[in-house]
């Protein structure tokens, strides 16, 4: 091998080392650890989805309550009807 090929091979080896492939291969060989990471990932996603939904609903509630308190004739009546419909669906 000439000097140029060795330099290219060194660059390729460095890129492979920096990419984290070796750590991924080691991790994939430990099934228990993969299952644990997937479980934690699922819990984090579920918690994030729940908190995000709660925040969006709280903001929507505040906006709607302010719109109702402004007492705009048709809009207030429509929103009040919607709220009553949701309460009676149970």
C-alpha atoms as a PDB file:
ATOM      1  CA  UNK A   1       0.000   0.000   0.000  1.00  0.00           C
ATOM      2  CA  UNK A   2       1.224   3.433  -0.766  1.00  0.00           C
ATOM      3  CA  UNK A   3       1.192   6.446   1.540  1.00  0.00           C
ATOM      4  CA  UNK A   4      -1.991   7.946   0.062  1.00  0.00           C
ATOM      5  CA  UNK A   5      -3.981   4.750   0.591  1.00  0.00           C
ATOM      6  CA  UNK A   6      -2.791   4.515   4.194  1.00  0.00           C
ATOM      7  CA  UNK A   7      -3.900   8.084   4.866  1.00  0.00           C
ATOM      8  CA  UNK A   8      -7.314   7.367   3.355  1.00  0.00           C
ATOM      9  CA  UNK A   9      -7.594   4.191   5.426  1.00  0.00           C
ATOM     10  CA  UNK A  10      -6.689   6.147   8.571  1.00  0.00           C
ATOM     11  CA  UNK A  11      -9.360   8.745   7.745  1.00  0.00           C
ATOM     12  CA  UNK A  12     -11.932   6.013   7.220  1.00  0.00           C
ATOM     13  CA  UNK A  13     -10.977   4.326  10.491  1.00  0.00           C
ATOM     14  CA  UNK A  14     -11.233   7.643  12.334  1.00  0.00           C
ATOM     15  CA  UNK A  15     -14.674   8.355  10.863  1.00  0.00           C
ATOM     16  CA  UNK A  16     -15.860   4.879  11.799  1.00  0.00           C
ATOM     17  CA  UNK A  17     -14.581   5.327  15.341  1.00  0.00           C
ATOM     18  CA  UNK A  18     -16.231   8.755  15.678  1.00  0.00           C
ATOM     19  CA  UNK A  19     -19.564   7.501  14.329  1.00  0.00           C
ATOM     20  CA  UNK A  20     -20.228   5.333  17.380  1.00  0.00           C
ATOM     21  CA  UNK A  21     -20.794   2.124  15.425  1.00  0.00           C
ATOM     22  CA  UNK A  22     -18.711   0.109  17.883  1.00  0.00           C
ATOM     23  CA  UNK A  23     -20.803   1.284  20.839  1.00  0.00           C
ATOM     24  CA  UNK A  24     -23.996   0.463  18.933  1.00  0.00           C
ATOM     25  CA  UNK A  25     -22.776  -3.054  18.172  1.00  0.00           C
ATOM     26  CA  UNK A  26     -21.843  -3.570  21.834  1.00  0.00           C
ATOM     27  CA  UNK A  27     -25.249  -2.266  22.930  1.00  0.00           C
ATOM     28  CA  UNK A  28     -27.166  -4.432  20.474  1.00  0.00           C
ATOM     29  CA  UNK A  29     -25.493  -7.532  21.891  1.00  0.00           C
ATOM     30  CA  UNK A  30     -26.991  -6.843  25.330  1.00  0.00           C
ATOM     31  CA  UNK A  31     -30.709  -7.509  24.958  1.00  0.00           C
ATOM     32  CA  UNK A  32     -31.598  -6.508  28.513  1.00  0.00           C
ATOM     33  CA  UNK A  33     -30.011  -3.106  28.139  1.00  0.00           C
ATOM     34  CA  UNK A  34     -31.759  -2.513  24.795  1.00  0.00           C
ATOM     35  CA  UNK A  35     -35.107  -3.408  26.363  1.00  0.00           C
ATOM     36  CA  UNK A  36     -34.433  -1.078  29.307  1.00  0.00           C
ATOM     37  CA  UNK A  37     -33.497   1.828  27.018  1.00  0.00           C
ATOM     38  CA  UNK A  38     -36.589   1.239  24.891  1.00  0.00           C
ATOM     39  CA  UNK A  39     -38.766   1.162  28.012  1.00  0.00           C
ATOM     40  CA  UNK A  40     -37.306   4.433  29.294  1.00  0.00           C
ATOM     41  CA  UNK A  41     -37.697   5.973  25.858  1.00  0.00           C
ATOM     42  CA  UNK A  42     -41.374   4.974  25.766  1.00  0.00           C
ATOM     43  CA  UNK A  43     -42.004   6.383  29.236  1.00  0.00           C
ATOM     44  CA  UNK A  44     -40.356   9.670  28.279  1.00  0.00           C
ATOM     45  CA  UNK A  45     -42.418   9.925  25.080  1.00  0.00           C
ATOM     46  CA  UNK A  46     -45.635   9.157  26.935  1.00  0.00           C
ATOM     47  CA  UNK A  47     -44.866  11.708  29.626  1.00  0.00           C
ATOM     48  CA  UNK A  48     -43.986  14.333  27.030  1.00  0.00           C
ATOM     49  CA  UNK A  49     -47.181  13.655  25.098  1.00  0.00           C
ATOM     50  CA  UNK A  50     -49.281  13.915  28.261  1.00  0.00           C
ATOM     51  CA  UNK A  51     -47.663  17.136  29.457  1.00  0.00           C
ATOM     52  CA  UNK A  52     -47.838  18.676  25.982  1.00  0.00           C
ATOM     53  CA  UNK A  53     -51.524  17.848  25.691  1.00  0.00           C
ATOM     54  CA  UNK A  54     -52.222  19.306  29.132  1.00  0.00           C
ATOM     55  CA  UNK A  55     -50.467  22.564  28.246  1.00  0.00           C
ATOM     56  CA  UNK A  56     -52.295  22.906  24.923  1.00  0.00           C
ATOM     57  CA  UNK A  57     -55.668  22.216  26.549  1.00  0.00           C
ATOM     58  CA  UNK A  58     -54.957  24.708  29.342  1.00  0.00           C
ATOM     59  CA  UNK A  59     -54.062  27.425  26.834  1.00  0.00           C
ATOM     60  CA  UNK A  60     -57.148  26.605  24.769  1.00  0.00           C
ATOM     61  CA  UNK A  61     -59.309  26.791  27.907  1.00  0.00           C
ATOM     62  CA  UNK A  62     -57.886  30.213  28.811  1.00  0.00           C
ATOM     63  CA  UNK A  63     -58.473  31.543  25.302  1.00  0.00           C
ATOM     64  CA  UNK A  64     -62.042  30.248  25.200  1.00  0.00           C
ATOM     65  CA  UNK A  65     -62.858  31.560  28.659  1.00  0.00           C
ATOM     66  CA  UNK A  66     -61.607  35.023  27.681  1.00  0.00           C
ATOM     67  CA  UNK A  67     -63.635  34.923  24.479  1.00  0.00           C
ATOM     68  CA  UNK A  68     -66.751  34.013  26.453  1.00  0.00           C
ATOM     69  CA  UNK A  69     -66.096  36.774  29.006  1.00  0.00           C
ATOM     70  CA  UNK A  70     -65.898  39.335  26.158  1.00  0.00           C
ATOM     71  CA  UNK A  71     -69.570  38.597  25.545  1.00  0.00           C
ATOM     72  CA  UNK A  72     -69.480  38.759  21.751  1.00  0.00           C
ATOM     73  CA  UNK A  73     -73.111  38.005  20.732  1.00  0.00           C
ATOM     74  CA  UNK A  74     -72.947  35.054  18.321  1.00  0.00           C
ATOM     75  CA  UNK A  75     -69.568  33.736  19.345  1.00  0.00           C
ATOM     76  CA  UNK A  76     -70.403  33.570  23.047  1.00  0.00           C
ATOM     77  CA  UNK A  77     -73.658  31.770  22.336  1.00  0.00           C
ATOM     78  CA  UNK A  78     -71.929  29.238  20.074  1.00  0.00           C
ATOM     79  CA  UNK A  79     -69.132  28.550  22.594  1.00  0.00           C
ATOM     80  CA  UNK A  80     -71.623  28.198  25.442  1.00  0.00           C
ATOM     81  CA  UNK A  81     -73.616  25.693  23.384  1.00  0.00           C
ATOM     82  CA  UNK A  82     -70.438  23.734  22.664  1.00  0.00           C
ATOM     83  CA  UNK A  83     -69.507  23.650  26.351  1.00  0.00           C
ATOM     84  CA  UNK A  84     -72.997  22.458  27.310  1.00  0.00           C
ATOM     85  CA  UNK A  85     -72.833  19.778  24.607  1.00  0.00           C
ATOM     86  CA  UNK A  86     -69.509  18.499  25.940  1.00  0.00           C
ATOM     87  CA  UNK A  87     -70.840  18.441  29.510  1.00  0.00           C
ATOM     88  CA  UNK A  88     -73.928  16.455  28.453  1.00  0.00           C
ATOM     89  CA  UNK A  89     -72.015  13.874  26.372  1.00  0.00           C
ATOM     90  CA  UNK A  90     -70.893  12.003  29.478  1.00  0.00           C
END
